[in-house]
Each structure stands twice: as structure tokens, then as C-alpha cells.
Amino acid sequence: PATPSGAKWADPPTVYDRLVYRFNGTGYLKPGYMQVFVVNAEGGAPRQVTNGDFPNGGNEFGPSRASWTPDGKYLLVSVNRHPESDHEYFDDEVYEFNVSDGSLRPLTNRKGPDNAPAVSPNGKLIAYTGFDDRYQGHQTTKLYLMNRDGTGSHSLSDKLDRDVQDPQWAPDSTGIYFRYDDQGDSKVGFYLVDGTFKKIADHLAATTGAGGSGTFSLARTGMIALTYGRPDNPGDVAILNNGAMKVLTSLNEELLTQKKPGHVEEFSFESSKDNRKIQGWIVHPPDFDPTKKYPLVLEIHGGPFADYGDRFDFEKQVLASRGYVVLYANPRGSTSYGEEFANLIHHAYPGDDYSDLNSGVDAVIAKGYIDTNNLFVTGGSGGGVLTCWTIEHTDRFRAAAALYPVINWYSFALTSDIPFITKYWFPGLPWDNTDSYMQRSLTNLVAKVKTPTLVMTGEADYRTPISEAEQFYEALKLLNVDTVLVRVPEEPHGIARRPSHHIAKMLYIAGWFEQHKSKM
């Protein structure tokens, strides 16, 4: 019927029929799939090359990388065309798409992802990344090489035991450059087609966080441009020519003349769990004096399959500027140390990673400049999980700030935009493995918490949905624990989309710690 004068019909209902129906940073997904289009280099109307009810152009995590063959007749694209793609989320294969008629041909065929295809300049070989999917929490992404027709596929990087990203061919087709993280450092590596390995560059960085980052680009001459950073500098553009590096920019020079960053010290310590060596970093306050006593903040990375490193971190520097020593580390489960180390938490997270982190606190205290009456802990996402797990196992911290944590693995599996964790992080579906889910859920031990806790989450977070943080807050309130809940409007996972919200996040954490700091 026609709309009455001056009235507006209510929005119609929406129907969803896919397993992943909303996604962090995107919102509720519209019907349809991404497709690949081509457009004339001089401009003009785009033409769709792919079609069908498949994510030919990529999925919610981002668009697929489309690689042209040198003759300009084909595009190589990684696509998941598995009939159960909703449930086999990472079963991508490399396909060859004919640009003229849209026909396609699979070049790989295995259980597991095959991604980032890149054709050699001479058109004879294809490099790509992937792994044989064994449903492990972490599986090392390897560099593969195959003939142009899809035959002869083999791994080049078995011995490296590090995750390979962004393969790019040398102009003369002799080998492949790529990015990888190694012991908390983002690097550029190179493999000759015969499997000979060489490290090319260290210290890639591109963000204001301590997590793995950085990009590089290869010129036809063989010169490499890259983003280069150090713990006291957020990053600049550099070039690498015949092994010699030259930094071209000084983007933060003016800022760094006004603001003095804290010195970042790398160190290692042994875990009380099994004496494993754990790598960590200490951010000292500016004008640090080792004869004085400082409050300590333990800051825990998320993932949990991720890594911290010797990179500039805005949030940690803010805490250091307020007089805190900041400890961050790569406990078991972190990447950049090999698949065995990462999978020490397979079906066992959170758990022994807590022992690693607590040992790090002990190691910093042993240096003699920490006020043991003023220990604090914080972390986001997986770091929020471990923050909550930590205060359920010790009362040594005066206050905690748990950012967008997972509290109940059962509810998380049914509300998050990554429901495939049921087969990668757990032995199966929650109703078939209730004990496994609940033993590792923070609701199971919440009654032990005595630490004053700030809980913060974004209202548009679909990775660790707001209901997770709300459960922890409500539980602590029922237990009469000193706690507050901070909800940040329109923010997805991470609370960093808007600068004002990012700043507010840091100020709330710092303010909470100041409020609970011992005055002795």
C-alpha cells in the first residue's frame, strides 16, 4: 500500500542463510559474493570476469589477490569454491580465469588454503602460499612453487618454519621475495627457485603497534622499497639497493623533537612452567633512573596466534610517559618462533601462557626498579582473555583493564564472526564438548577474582561480541568486585577506528590504574 502522508514505513525484516552473516568492521553482510572485475588501464567501465555463488573476489577478510599472467590473457585468483565453503572456510585453491570468456581452471587441489598466487615474469612458474589443513590452532603458512600449468607443486620453506606472506618475484625470475616474522621482527626474505634462502632486510614496520607489520615493493630494477621502523620511531620509507639500505623519509622528526619516547629494552627469561626461554621487551619511562622505583604494567598481546616485537607502540609509550615501566612478551602460542611453539596452546588456551607471563613479571621485578605494590595488567582480545585469566589465578596486581575479552567460549562460538574456531581451537562443537569449552571459560573461575577491573568493549565488535565483556562485568558486579564497564559507540574490535576513541581507550586505562595506585 501507499505510504500515508507524512509517514515512513518501518525497515523491512532481513533474512540471512550463511554461517557468517556479520563481520567485524563491516557489519551485517549484504547478500551476494565478491567478484573479480577488470578495467582498462586508461579508465572506462569495469567488466566482471567471474560469476557464480562463490567468493571469487575474496571473502569478509578481504579481497583476493589477482595476479596477471605476463601475456595478459589470464588472472590467477585464490578462491574457495568448496561446496561447503561456509564450514570449510580456508579451503581456497588457485584458479586460472580466462579474461576474455570467464572460463576457469583449478591449478591446485588439496585440503587447505592456497593463496597469493604470483606468476614469474618469464611466465614459467607460479609462487603461492598455503598449508595442509590439519585443524590446528596455528599452522605455518609456507611458500610453494609450481609450474605454470599447476604441476610440480612443492614447498620451498619447510626448513624456515615461519609464516610466509606477500610473495613477489625477482625481475629476472630467479627467485621470490616475501615477508615473514622471526622472533618478533618483521623481515624480508628471498628464496631462489632451487630452495636457497637468504634474509634480505630486518625491521619492517608500518603501524603504531608492537604487532607484526610492514610492507615492501619490488621495482623492475630489483630495488626494494619498504617501510622501516624501530622501537623509538613509528616508521619511515626506505629503499634497499644491492644490500645497502637508505631511509628516505623522517616523517615523525618534528614530533620526536617535542616528545621523548621511552627506551625499549629486549630481554629474555625462563618460564616457571618448563624453563622455556621467552622473549620480552621493557619500555622504560623517559628519563628512566634505575635507582628509583616504578609501577609496572604487564601488557598482553591478542591473537592469541600473533607476536609482539621491537616495534614502536603508541599505547605502550603513552603508559611509559606517565611513569610506568611496561612489560610485553611473546608467551607460548605466539607466532614467529615456529609451529611447535605456537601449538603449545592448541586446545589449551588460556593456560600455561599465564605462567610465561607471570615469570616475565618476576624477571622484571628482579631487576630492582619495580614498586611491587603497584603492579597492573591489561590486554585486548586474546590479551583480554589472558588478563582475566591472570586475575583469576593471582591477586598480585592492584588493578586490571580487560579489553574486548572472550569470557565464555560456548557463547563466543555462537555469536562471533569466526565460528570456525570450533574445529581449530576446540575438538568440536560446544554441545559435544561442553567440558572443554567451560573449563577454559573465564566464567568458570570468576568467583576467584578480587582485583579491581575495568572492562572495555566496542559496541560494534563482532569478533569478540559485546555480550562477552558484559558477562564478565555482570559477574564481577554480582561478586561485589570493584569494576566498571566502558562501552565505546560504533567501534569494532580494537577500538581504534576513530582517533578520539583510541585516545579515550588509553586514557581510561591510565586513569583506572592511577585511581588504584598505592600511594605508599
Protein backbone atom coordinates (compact mmCIF):
# COMPACT_ATOMS: atom_id res chain seq x y z
CA PRO A 1 0.00 0.00 0.00
CA ALA A 2 0.98 3.60 -0.42
CA THR A 3 2.69 5.33 2.47
CA PRO A 4 0.29 7.56 4.44
CA SER A 5 1.00 11.25 4.10
CA GLY A 6 3.93 12.27 6.28
CA ALA A 7 4.65 8.71 7.35
CA LYS A 8 7.53 6.33 6.71
CA TRP A 9 7.31 2.57 6.62
CA ALA A 10 9.44 0.68 9.12
CA ASP A 11 12.51 -1.02 7.71
CA PRO A 12 11.70 -4.50 6.39
CA PRO A 13 12.99 -7.69 8.03
CA THR A 14 16.30 -9.12 6.85
CA VAL A 15 16.85 -12.80 6.11
CA TYR A 16 20.26 -14.49 6.47
CA ASP A 17 21.19 -18.01 5.40
CA ARG A 18 25.00 -18.11 5.69
CA LEU A 19 27.09 -19.22 8.66
CA VAL A 20 28.99 -15.91 8.77
CA TYR A 21 26.26 -13.28 8.46
CA ARG A 22 28.01 -10.34 10.09
CA PHE A 23 31.65 -9.37 10.23
CA ASN A 24 33.79 -7.18 12.40
CA GLY A 25 34.47 -3.79 10.84
CA THR A 26 31.87 -4.42 8.13
CA GLY A 27 28.63 -5.03 9.98
CA TYR A 28 25.77 -7.21 8.80
CA LEU A 29 26.61 -8.62 5.39
CA LYS A 30 24.56 -7.98 2.29
CA PRO A 31 23.55 -10.88 0.02
CA GLY A 32 25.95 -11.90 -2.72
CA TYR A 33 29.65 -12.59 -3.18
CA MET A 34 32.70 -10.59 -4.18
CA GLN A 35 33.64 -10.97 -7.84
CA VAL A 36 36.67 -10.04 -9.95
CA PHE A 37 36.40 -7.17 -12.41
CA VAL A 38 38.84 -5.77 -14.95
CA VAL A 39 39.04 -2.21 -16.21
CA ASN A 40 41.10 -0.62 -18.95
CA ALA A 41 44.28 0.99 -17.64
CA GLU A 42 43.15 4.24 -19.26
CA GLY A 43 39.82 4.07 -17.44
CA GLY A 44 36.33 3.10 -18.50
CA ALA A 45 33.56 0.79 -17.44
CA PRO A 46 34.62 -2.23 -15.35
CA ARG A 47 33.84 -5.68 -16.74
CA GLN A 48 33.03 -8.64 -14.48
CA VAL A 49 35.26 -11.65 -15.14
CA THR A 50 33.99 -14.12 -12.54
CA ASN A 51 30.49 -15.19 -11.60
CA GLY A 52 28.54 -17.72 -9.57
CA ASP A 53 27.64 -18.17 -5.92
CA PHE A 54 31.26 -18.32 -4.80
CA PRO A 55 33.53 -15.72 -3.18
CA ASN A 56 35.60 -15.37 -6.36
CA GLY A 57 36.81 -11.93 -5.42
CA GLY A 58 37.52 -12.65 -1.76
CA ASN A 59 35.64 -13.05 1.49
CA GLU A 60 34.94 -10.99 4.59
CA PHE A 61 38.63 -10.93 5.49
CA GLY A 62 39.41 -9.00 2.33
CA PRO A 63 39.65 -9.15 -1.45
CA SER A 64 41.57 -11.88 -3.20
CA ARG A 65 44.91 -11.06 -4.77
CA ALA A 66 44.52 -11.26 -8.56
CA SER A 67 47.76 -11.82 -10.44
CA TRP A 68 48.07 -11.22 -14.20
CA THR A 69 49.96 -13.65 -16.39
CA PRO A 70 52.65 -11.90 -18.47
CA ASP A 71 50.66 -12.39 -21.69
CA GLY A 72 47.67 -10.53 -20.22
CA LYS A 73 45.27 -13.34 -21.06
CA TYR A 74 44.65 -14.82 -17.61
CA LEU A 75 44.20 -13.86 -13.99
CA LEU A 76 45.28 -16.14 -11.17
CA VAL A 77 42.98 -15.82 -8.16
CA SER A 78 42.65 -17.72 -4.88
CA VAL A 79 39.02 -18.80 -4.45
CA ASN A 80 37.11 -21.04 -2.06
CA ARG A 81 34.65 -22.93 -4.30
CA HIS A 82 34.20 -25.80 -1.87
CA PRO A 83 30.53 -26.92 -1.82
CA GLU A 84 30.63 -26.49 1.98
CA SER A 85 32.63 -23.26 1.93
CA ASP A 86 30.75 -21.92 4.95
CA HIS A 87 32.18 -24.77 7.02
CA GLU A 88 35.49 -25.25 5.19
CA TYR A 89 36.35 -21.59 5.42
CA PHE A 90 40.01 -21.86 4.46
CA ASP A 91 39.83 -24.34 1.59
CA ASP A 92 40.98 -21.91 -1.11
CA GLU A 93 42.51 -23.08 -4.37
CA VAL A 94 44.42 -21.18 -7.03
CA TYR A 95 42.31 -20.78 -10.17
CA GLU A 96 43.19 -19.52 -13.62
CA PHE A 97 40.49 -17.23 -15.02
CA ASN A 98 40.38 -16.52 -18.74
CA VAL A 99 39.85 -12.77 -19.04
CA SER A 100 38.18 -12.99 -22.45
CA ASP A 101 35.46 -15.55 -21.71
CA GLY A 102 35.48 -16.00 -17.91
CA SER A 103 36.27 -19.72 -18.05
CA LEU A 104 38.27 -21.09 -15.16
CA ARG A 105 40.68 -23.91 -14.41
CA PRO A 106 41.91 -25.04 -10.96
CA LEU A 107 45.69 -25.17 -10.60
CA THR A 108 45.81 -26.54 -7.04
CA ASN A 109 43.75 -29.18 -5.27
CA ARG A 110 44.28 -30.01 -1.62
CA LYS A 111 42.63 -29.61 1.76
CA GLY A 112 43.85 -26.26 2.95
CA PRO A 113 44.34 -22.70 1.73
CA ASP A 114 46.34 -21.84 -1.37
CA ASN A 115 46.70 -18.07 -1.57
CA ALA A 116 48.57 -15.09 -3.00
CA PRO A 117 49.48 -16.57 -6.42
CA ALA A 118 52.24 -14.71 -8.27
CA VAL A 119 53.41 -15.59 -11.79
CA SER A 120 57.10 -15.33 -12.61
CA PRO A 121 57.99 -12.60 -15.13
CA ASN A 122 59.04 -15.25 -17.66
CA GLY A 123 55.63 -16.90 -17.29
CA LYS A 124 57.01 -20.33 -16.41
CA LEU A 125 56.38 -20.65 -12.66
CA ILE A 126 53.81 -19.71 -10.02
CA ALA A 127 54.63 -18.92 -6.40
CA TYR A 128 51.89 -19.09 -3.78
CA THR A 129 51.37 -19.62 -0.04
CA GLY A 130 49.41 -22.18 1.95
CA PHE A 131 49.40 -25.22 4.20
CA ASP A 132 47.84 -28.67 4.57
CA ASP A 133 44.91 -28.05 6.89
CA ARG A 134 45.04 -30.26 9.99
CA TYR A 135 42.61 -28.16 12.06
CA GLN A 136 45.35 -26.94 14.40
CA GLY A 137 45.21 -23.66 16.26
CA HIS A 138 48.18 -22.43 14.26
CA GLN A 139 49.50 -23.86 11.02
CA THR A 140 52.60 -22.42 9.41
CA THR A 141 51.93 -20.79 6.06
CA LYS A 142 54.59 -21.99 3.62
CA LEU A 143 55.91 -20.74 0.29
CA TYR A 144 55.14 -23.06 -2.62
CA LEU A 145 56.31 -23.19 -6.20
CA MET A 146 54.65 -24.92 -9.15
CA ASN A 147 54.85 -24.95 -12.92
CA ARG A 148 52.62 -22.59 -14.87
CA ASP A 149 50.23 -25.45 -15.69
CA GLY A 150 49.82 -26.41 -12.00
CA THR A 151 52.15 -29.41 -12.00
CA GLY A 152 55.20 -29.97 -9.81
CA SER A 153 53.98 -28.18 -6.68
CA HIS A 154 56.46 -28.25 -3.79
CA SER A 155 57.29 -26.24 -0.68
CA LEU A 156 60.40 -24.08 -0.58
CA SER A 157 60.17 -23.01 3.07
CA ASP A 158 59.86 -26.20 5.16
CA LYS A 159 63.13 -25.51 6.98
CA LEU A 160 62.30 -21.86 7.65
CA ASP A 161 59.35 -22.78 9.91
CA ARG A 162 57.95 -19.25 9.73
CA ASP A 163 54.75 -17.86 8.19
CA VAL A 164 55.36 -16.56 4.67
CA GLN A 165 53.38 -13.63 3.28
CA ASP A 166 53.22 -11.50 0.12
CA PRO A 167 55.42 -13.40 -2.36
CA GLN A 168 56.91 -11.17 -5.08
CA TRP A 169 59.09 -12.38 -7.95
CA ALA A 170 62.55 -11.08 -8.71
CA PRO A 171 62.52 -9.27 -12.08
CA ASP A 172 64.79 -11.94 -13.61
CA SER A 173 62.56 -14.83 -12.37
CA THR A 174 65.40 -16.35 -10.33
CA GLY A 175 63.52 -16.32 -7.04
CA ILE A 176 60.83 -14.94 -4.77
CA TYR A 177 60.93 -12.21 -2.14
CA PHE A 178 58.49 -12.42 0.77
CA ARG A 179 57.66 -11.04 4.21
CA TYR A 180 57.95 -13.11 7.40
CA ASP A 181 58.13 -12.61 11.16
CA ASP A 182 61.04 -14.12 13.07
CA GLN A 183 61.35 -13.82 16.85
CA GLY A 184 59.32 -10.64 16.97
CA ASP A 185 60.94 -8.97 13.96
CA SER A 186 59.28 -8.49 10.56
CA LYS A 187 61.71 -9.26 7.76
CA VAL A 188 62.07 -9.63 4.01
CA GLY A 189 63.40 -12.99 2.85
CA PHE A 190 64.33 -14.42 -0.53
CA TYR A 191 64.24 -17.93 -1.96
CA LEU A 192 65.95 -18.91 -5.17
CA VAL A 193 63.83 -21.32 -7.19
CA ASP A 194 66.24 -24.09 -6.15
CA GLY A 195 65.32 -23.52 -2.48
CA THR A 196 68.35 -21.50 -1.38
CA PHE A 197 67.32 -18.99 1.32
CA LYS A 198 68.67 -15.55 2.15
CA LYS A 199 67.50 -12.89 4.59
CA ILE A 200 67.24 -9.53 2.84
CA ALA A 201 66.05 -6.96 5.40
CA ASP A 202 65.08 -6.53 9.05
CA HIS A 203 62.75 -4.21 10.93
CA LEU A 204 59.78 -3.82 8.64
CA ALA A 205 57.16 -1.71 10.39
CA ALA A 206 54.10 0.20 9.29
CA THR A 207 51.85 0.88 12.24
CA THR A 208 51.95 2.34 15.73
CA GLY A 209 51.64 -1.02 17.44
CA ALA A 210 54.15 -3.68 18.51
CA GLY A 211 52.50 -6.40 16.42
CA GLY A 212 53.89 -7.74 13.16
CA SER A 213 53.51 -5.30 10.28
CA GLY A 214 55.28 -3.70 7.36
CA THR A 215 55.21 -3.83 3.59
CA PHE A 216 57.68 -3.88 0.73
CA SER A 217 57.56 -3.36 -3.02
CA LEU A 218 59.91 -4.50 -5.75
CA ALA A 219 60.99 -2.32 -8.69
CA ARG A 220 61.76 -3.73 -12.15
CA THR A 221 65.40 -2.87 -11.47
CA GLY A 222 65.45 -5.10 -8.39
CA MET A 223 65.48 -2.20 -5.94
CA ILE A 224 63.25 -2.76 -2.89
CA ALA A 225 61.15 -0.10 -1.18
CA LEU A 226 59.98 -0.91 2.33
CA THR A 227 58.50 0.55 5.47
CA TYR A 228 61.19 0.65 8.14
CA GLY A 229 60.76 1.32 11.84
CA ARG A 230 62.42 0.99 15.22
CA PRO A 231 61.05 0.97 18.78
CA ASP A 232 61.67 4.72 19.12
CA ASN A 233 60.31 5.66 15.66
CA PRO A 234 56.90 4.73 14.20
CA GLY A 235 58.29 4.18 10.72
CA ASP A 236 59.67 5.64 7.52
CA VAL A 237 60.09 4.70 3.88
CA ALA A 238 63.43 3.17 2.95
CA ILE A 239 64.99 1.65 -0.14
CA LEU A 240 67.32 -1.32 -0.37
CA ASN A 241 69.70 -1.41 -3.31
CA ASN A 242 72.34 -4.14 -3.67
CA GLY A 243 72.16 -4.79 0.06
CA ALA A 244 72.57 -1.15 1.12
CA MET A 245 69.63 0.48 2.93
CA LYS A 246 68.80 4.17 2.73
CA VAL A 247 65.99 5.74 4.77
CA LEU A 248 64.26 8.32 2.57
CA THR A 249 61.85 9.99 4.99
CA SER A 250 61.76 11.36 8.50
CA LEU A 251 58.01 11.56 8.92
CA ASN A 252 58.00 11.99 12.69
CA GLU A 253 61.13 14.08 13.12
CA GLU A 254 59.27 17.17 14.37
CA LEU A 255 57.15 15.16 16.78
CA LEU A 256 60.15 13.32 18.20
CA THR A 257 61.90 16.61 18.94
CA GLN A 258 58.96 17.52 21.17
CA LYS A 259 58.14 14.15 22.71
CA LYS A 260 60.80 11.83 24.04
CA PRO A 261 59.87 8.15 23.69
CA GLY A 262 60.79 5.64 26.33
CA HIS A 263 63.73 3.35 25.66
CA VAL A 264 62.74 -0.21 24.70
CA GLU A 265 64.96 -2.97 26.09
CA GLU A 266 64.83 -6.52 24.74
CA PHE A 267 65.43 -9.32 27.22
CA SER A 268 64.62 -12.98 27.77
CA PHE A 269 63.60 -15.05 30.76
CA GLU A 270 62.69 -18.62 31.65
CA SER A 271 59.13 -19.76 32.20
CA SER A 272 58.30 -21.28 35.57
CA LYS A 273 56.23 -23.86 33.69
CA ASP A 274 59.04 -25.71 31.90
CA ASN A 275 62.08 -23.39 31.78
CA ARG A 276 61.40 -22.45 28.17
CA LYS A 277 63.09 -19.28 27.00
CA ILE A 278 60.57 -16.48 26.50
CA GLN A 279 61.34 -13.28 24.62
CA GLY A 280 60.14 -9.98 26.04
CA TRP A 281 60.60 -6.23 25.93
CA ILE A 282 60.60 -3.50 28.59
CA VAL A 283 59.54 0.06 27.81
CA HIS A 284 61.18 2.44 30.29
CA PRO A 285 59.73 5.83 31.14
CA PRO A 286 61.57 8.77 29.54
CA ASP A 287 64.48 9.88 31.76
CA PHE A 288 64.41 6.47 33.45
CA ASP A 289 66.54 6.20 36.60
CA PRO A 290 67.29 2.58 37.64
CA THR A 291 67.86 3.67 41.24
CA LYS A 292 64.20 4.66 41.57
CA LYS A 293 61.07 2.52 41.90
CA TYR A 294 58.42 2.47 39.17
CA PRO A 295 54.96 0.93 38.81
CA LEU A 296 54.79 -1.91 36.29
CA VAL A 297 52.17 -2.64 33.62
CA LEU A 298 52.06 -6.10 32.04
CA GLU A 299 50.54 -5.62 28.55
CA ILE A 300 49.46 -8.82 26.77
CA HIS A 301 49.05 -9.29 23.01
CA GLY A 302 45.95 -10.72 21.39
CA GLY A 303 45.56 -13.37 18.76
CA PRO A 304 46.46 -15.50 20.56
CA PHE A 305 48.42 -16.62 17.49
CA ALA A 306 50.30 -13.37 16.92
CA ASP A 307 53.51 -11.73 18.05
CA TYR A 308 54.91 -8.59 19.59
CA GLY A 309 58.36 -7.27 18.75
CA ASP A 310 60.86 -4.42 18.76
CA ARG A 311 58.45 -2.02 17.09
CA PHE A 312 57.14 1.40 18.07
CA ASP A 313 53.94 1.10 20.10
CA PHE A 314 51.89 4.22 20.72
CA GLU A 315 49.79 2.79 23.56
CA LYS A 316 52.78 1.45 25.49
CA GLN A 317 54.65 4.71 25.05
CA VAL A 318 51.68 6.62 26.49
CA LEU A 319 51.82 4.49 29.65
CA ALA A 320 55.60 4.89 29.84
CA SER A 321 55.22 8.67 29.52
CA ARG A 322 53.03 8.55 32.62
CA GLY A 323 55.79 6.95 34.66
CA TYR A 324 55.07 3.24 34.19
CA VAL A 325 57.52 0.55 33.20
CA VAL A 326 55.71 -1.53 30.57
CA LEU A 327 56.43 -5.21 30.04
CA TYR A 328 55.31 -7.04 26.91
CA ALA A 329 56.32 -10.52 25.82
CA ASN A 330 55.64 -13.40 23.47
CA PRO A 331 54.36 -16.27 25.62
CA ARG A 332 53.82 -19.77 24.25
CA GLY A 333 51.27 -19.65 21.47
CA SER A 334 52.93 -16.63 19.89
CA THR A 335 53.93 -16.82 16.26
CA SER A 336 57.39 -16.14 14.77
CA TYR A 337 59.03 -18.96 16.79
CA GLY A 338 57.87 -21.94 14.75
CA GLU A 339 54.81 -24.14 14.63
CA GLU A 340 55.71 -26.25 17.69
CA PHE A 341 55.93 -23.20 19.97
CA ALA A 342 52.66 -21.75 18.67
CA ASN A 343 50.79 -25.00 19.15
CA LEU A 344 51.82 -25.40 22.77
CA ILE A 345 48.40 -23.82 23.41
CA HIS A 346 46.49 -25.98 20.90
CA HIS A 347 43.24 -26.93 22.68
CA ALA A 348 44.85 -25.45 25.82
CA TYR A 349 44.22 -21.71 25.75
CA PRO A 350 44.26 -19.93 28.11
CA GLY A 351 46.58 -21.96 30.32
CA ASP A 352 50.34 -22.27 30.53
CA ASP A 353 50.84 -18.97 28.70
CA TYR A 354 49.87 -17.39 32.02
CA SER A 355 52.94 -19.00 33.64
CA ASP A 356 55.16 -17.50 30.95
CA LEU A 357 53.77 -14.01 31.51
CA ASN A 358 53.89 -14.22 35.29
CA SER A 359 57.52 -15.32 35.05
CA GLY A 360 58.19 -12.22 32.96
CA VAL A 361 56.81 -10.05 35.75
CA ASP A 362 59.12 -11.82 38.22
CA ALA A 363 62.09 -11.29 35.91
CA VAL A 364 61.48 -7.54 35.64
CA ILE A 365 60.95 -7.23 39.39
CA ALA A 366 64.32 -8.94 39.89
CA LYS A 367 65.99 -6.01 38.11
CA GLY A 368 65.35 -3.96 41.25
CA TYR A 369 63.50 -0.90 39.98
CA ILE A 370 59.85 -2.04 40.25
CA ASP A 371 57.47 -0.98 43.00
CA THR A 372 55.94 -4.37 43.81
CA ASN A 373 52.96 -2.68 45.45
CA ASN A 374 51.97 -1.22 42.09
CA LEU A 375 51.64 -3.99 39.51
CA PHE A 376 48.98 -3.68 36.80
CA VAL A 377 47.83 -5.85 33.90
CA THR A 378 45.99 -5.16 30.66
CA GLY A 379 45.45 -6.60 27.21
CA GLY A 380 42.97 -6.69 24.37
CA SER A 381 41.14 -9.53 22.63
CA GLY A 382 43.29 -12.61 23.32
CA GLY A 383 45.23 -10.35 25.67
CA GLY A 384 41.94 -9.52 27.34
CA VAL A 385 41.33 -13.23 27.80
CA LEU A 386 44.71 -13.64 29.48
CA THR A 387 44.19 -10.52 31.57
CA CYS A 388 41.03 -12.05 33.02
CA TRP A 389 42.69 -15.47 33.38
CA THR A 390 45.59 -13.82 35.21
CA ILE A 391 43.43 -12.11 37.84
CA GLU A 392 41.58 -15.39 38.32
CA HIS A 393 44.89 -17.02 39.27
CA THR A 394 46.68 -14.32 41.29
CA ASP A 395 45.96 -11.27 43.42
CA ARG A 396 49.35 -9.66 42.85
CA PHE A 397 48.00 -6.93 40.54
CA ARG A 398 46.43 -3.81 42.04
CA ALA A 399 44.12 -3.30 39.06
CA ALA A 400 43.37 -4.76 35.64
CA ALA A 401 41.96 -3.45 32.36
CA ALA A 402 40.39 -6.22 30.26
CA LEU A 403 39.68 -5.01 26.73
CA TYR A 404 37.16 -6.82 24.49
CA PRO A 405 37.84 -10.25 26.04
CA VAL A 406 36.21 -13.63 25.45
CA ILE A 407 34.62 -14.78 28.70
CA ASN A 408 32.51 -17.76 27.69
CA TRP A 409 33.81 -19.92 24.85
CA TYR A 410 30.42 -21.58 24.42
CA SER A 411 28.60 -18.29 23.76
CA PHE A 412 31.56 -16.96 21.76
CA ALA A 413 31.32 -19.85 19.30
CA LEU A 414 27.66 -18.98 18.69
CA THR A 415 27.96 -15.19 18.39
CA SER A 416 31.40 -14.37 16.95
CA ASP A 417 32.14 -13.76 13.27
CA ILE A 418 34.75 -16.55 13.39
CA PRO A 419 32.64 -19.62 14.28
CA PHE A 420 35.25 -21.90 12.69
CA ILE A 421 37.18 -21.76 15.98
CA THR A 422 35.06 -24.78 16.96
CA LYS A 423 37.26 -27.01 14.77
CA TYR A 424 40.57 -25.16 15.12
CA TRP A 425 40.69 -24.13 18.79
CA PHE A 426 38.47 -26.87 20.19
CA PRO A 427 37.92 -30.57 19.49
CA GLY A 428 34.45 -29.91 18.05
CA LEU A 429 31.09 -28.26 18.57
CA PRO A 430 30.35 -26.82 22.02
CA TRP A 431 27.39 -29.07 22.85
CA ASP A 432 29.52 -32.12 22.06
CA ASN A 433 32.49 -30.83 24.09
CA THR A 434 30.93 -28.80 26.88
CA ASP A 435 33.62 -29.62 29.45
CA SER A 436 36.40 -28.48 27.11
CA TYR A 437 34.67 -25.16 26.44
CA MET A 438 33.71 -24.40 30.01
CA GLN A 439 37.00 -25.44 31.65
CA ARG A 440 38.73 -22.77 29.58
CA SER A 441 35.97 -20.19 30.01
CA LEU A 442 36.60 -17.34 32.41
CA THR A 443 33.12 -17.71 33.85
CA ASN A 444 34.35 -20.97 35.35
CA LEU A 445 36.77 -19.27 37.79
CA VAL A 446 35.34 -15.77 38.02
CA ALA A 447 34.47 -16.21 41.72
CA LYS A 448 38.22 -16.07 42.49
CA VAL A 449 38.62 -12.51 41.18
CA LYS A 450 39.37 -9.83 43.76
CA THR A 451 41.29 -7.39 41.53
CA PRO A 452 39.59 -4.08 40.59
CA THR A 453 38.82 -4.46 36.90
CA LEU A 454 37.92 -2.10 34.08
CA VAL A 455 36.11 -3.90 31.25
CA MET A 456 36.01 -2.12 27.89
CA THR A 457 34.47 -3.08 24.56
CA GLY A 458 33.30 -1.59 21.28
CA GLU A 459 29.57 -1.62 20.64
CA ALA A 460 30.14 -2.74 17.02
CA ASP A 461 32.58 -5.53 17.91
CA TYR A 462 31.55 -8.73 16.13
CA ARG A 463 34.88 -10.52 16.69
CA THR A 464 34.57 -10.74 20.47
CA PRO A 465 30.98 -9.54 20.77
CA ILE A 466 29.96 -7.06 23.43
CA SER A 467 27.99 -9.78 25.21
CA GLU A 468 31.32 -11.32 26.27
CA ALA A 469 32.51 -8.21 28.11
CA GLU A 470 29.05 -7.70 29.56
CA GLN A 471 29.06 -11.20 31.06
CA PHE A 472 32.34 -10.55 32.87
CA TYR A 473 31.22 -7.15 34.10
CA GLU A 474 27.92 -8.50 35.40
CA ALA A 475 29.66 -11.43 37.11
CA LEU A 476 32.10 -9.11 38.88
CA LYS A 477 29.24 -6.85 39.96
CA LEU A 478 27.40 -9.84 41.43
CA LEU A 479 30.59 -10.66 43.34
CA ASN A 480 30.93 -7.06 44.61
CA VAL A 481 34.30 -6.65 42.89
CA ASP A 482 35.28 -3.06 42.11
CA THR A 483 34.55 -2.85 38.39
CA VAL A 484 33.31 -0.56 35.62
CA LEU A 485 32.11 -1.26 32.08
CA VAL A 486 33.09 1.12 29.28
CA ARG A 487 31.15 0.78 26.02
CA VAL A 488 32.55 2.68 23.04
CA PRO A 489 29.90 3.55 20.43
CA GLU A 490 30.28 2.43 16.80
CA GLU A 491 33.69 0.88 17.46
CA PRO A 492 34.60 -2.56 16.09
CA HIS A 493 37.23 -4.86 17.53
CA GLY A 494 40.30 -2.98 18.75
CA ILE A 495 38.67 0.39 19.49
CA ALA A 496 40.97 2.24 17.10
CA ARG A 497 38.75 3.24 14.18
CA ARG A 498 38.34 6.84 15.38
CA PRO A 499 41.35 8.68 16.83
CA SER A 500 39.24 10.20 19.60
CA HIS A 501 38.05 6.76 20.69
CA HIS A 502 41.58 5.36 20.51
CA ILE A 503 42.82 8.16 22.75
CA ALA A 504 39.88 7.69 25.11
CA LYS A 505 40.73 3.99 25.40
CA MET A 506 44.25 4.76 26.55
CA LEU A 507 43.12 7.47 28.95
CA TYR A 508 40.52 5.21 30.57
CA ILE A 509 43.18 2.54 31.16
CA ALA A 510 45.70 5.02 32.54
CA GLY A 511 43.04 6.67 34.69
CA TRP A 512 41.90 3.34 36.13
CA PHE A 513 45.45 2.44 37.07
CA GLU A 514 46.07 5.86 38.61
CA GLN A 515 42.87 5.54 40.62
CA HIS A 516 44.05 2.25 42.13
CA LYS A 517 47.73 3.01 42.51
CA SER A 518 49.13 2.61 46.01
CA LYS A 519 50.13 5.95 47.49
CA MET A 520 52.85 4.45 49.67
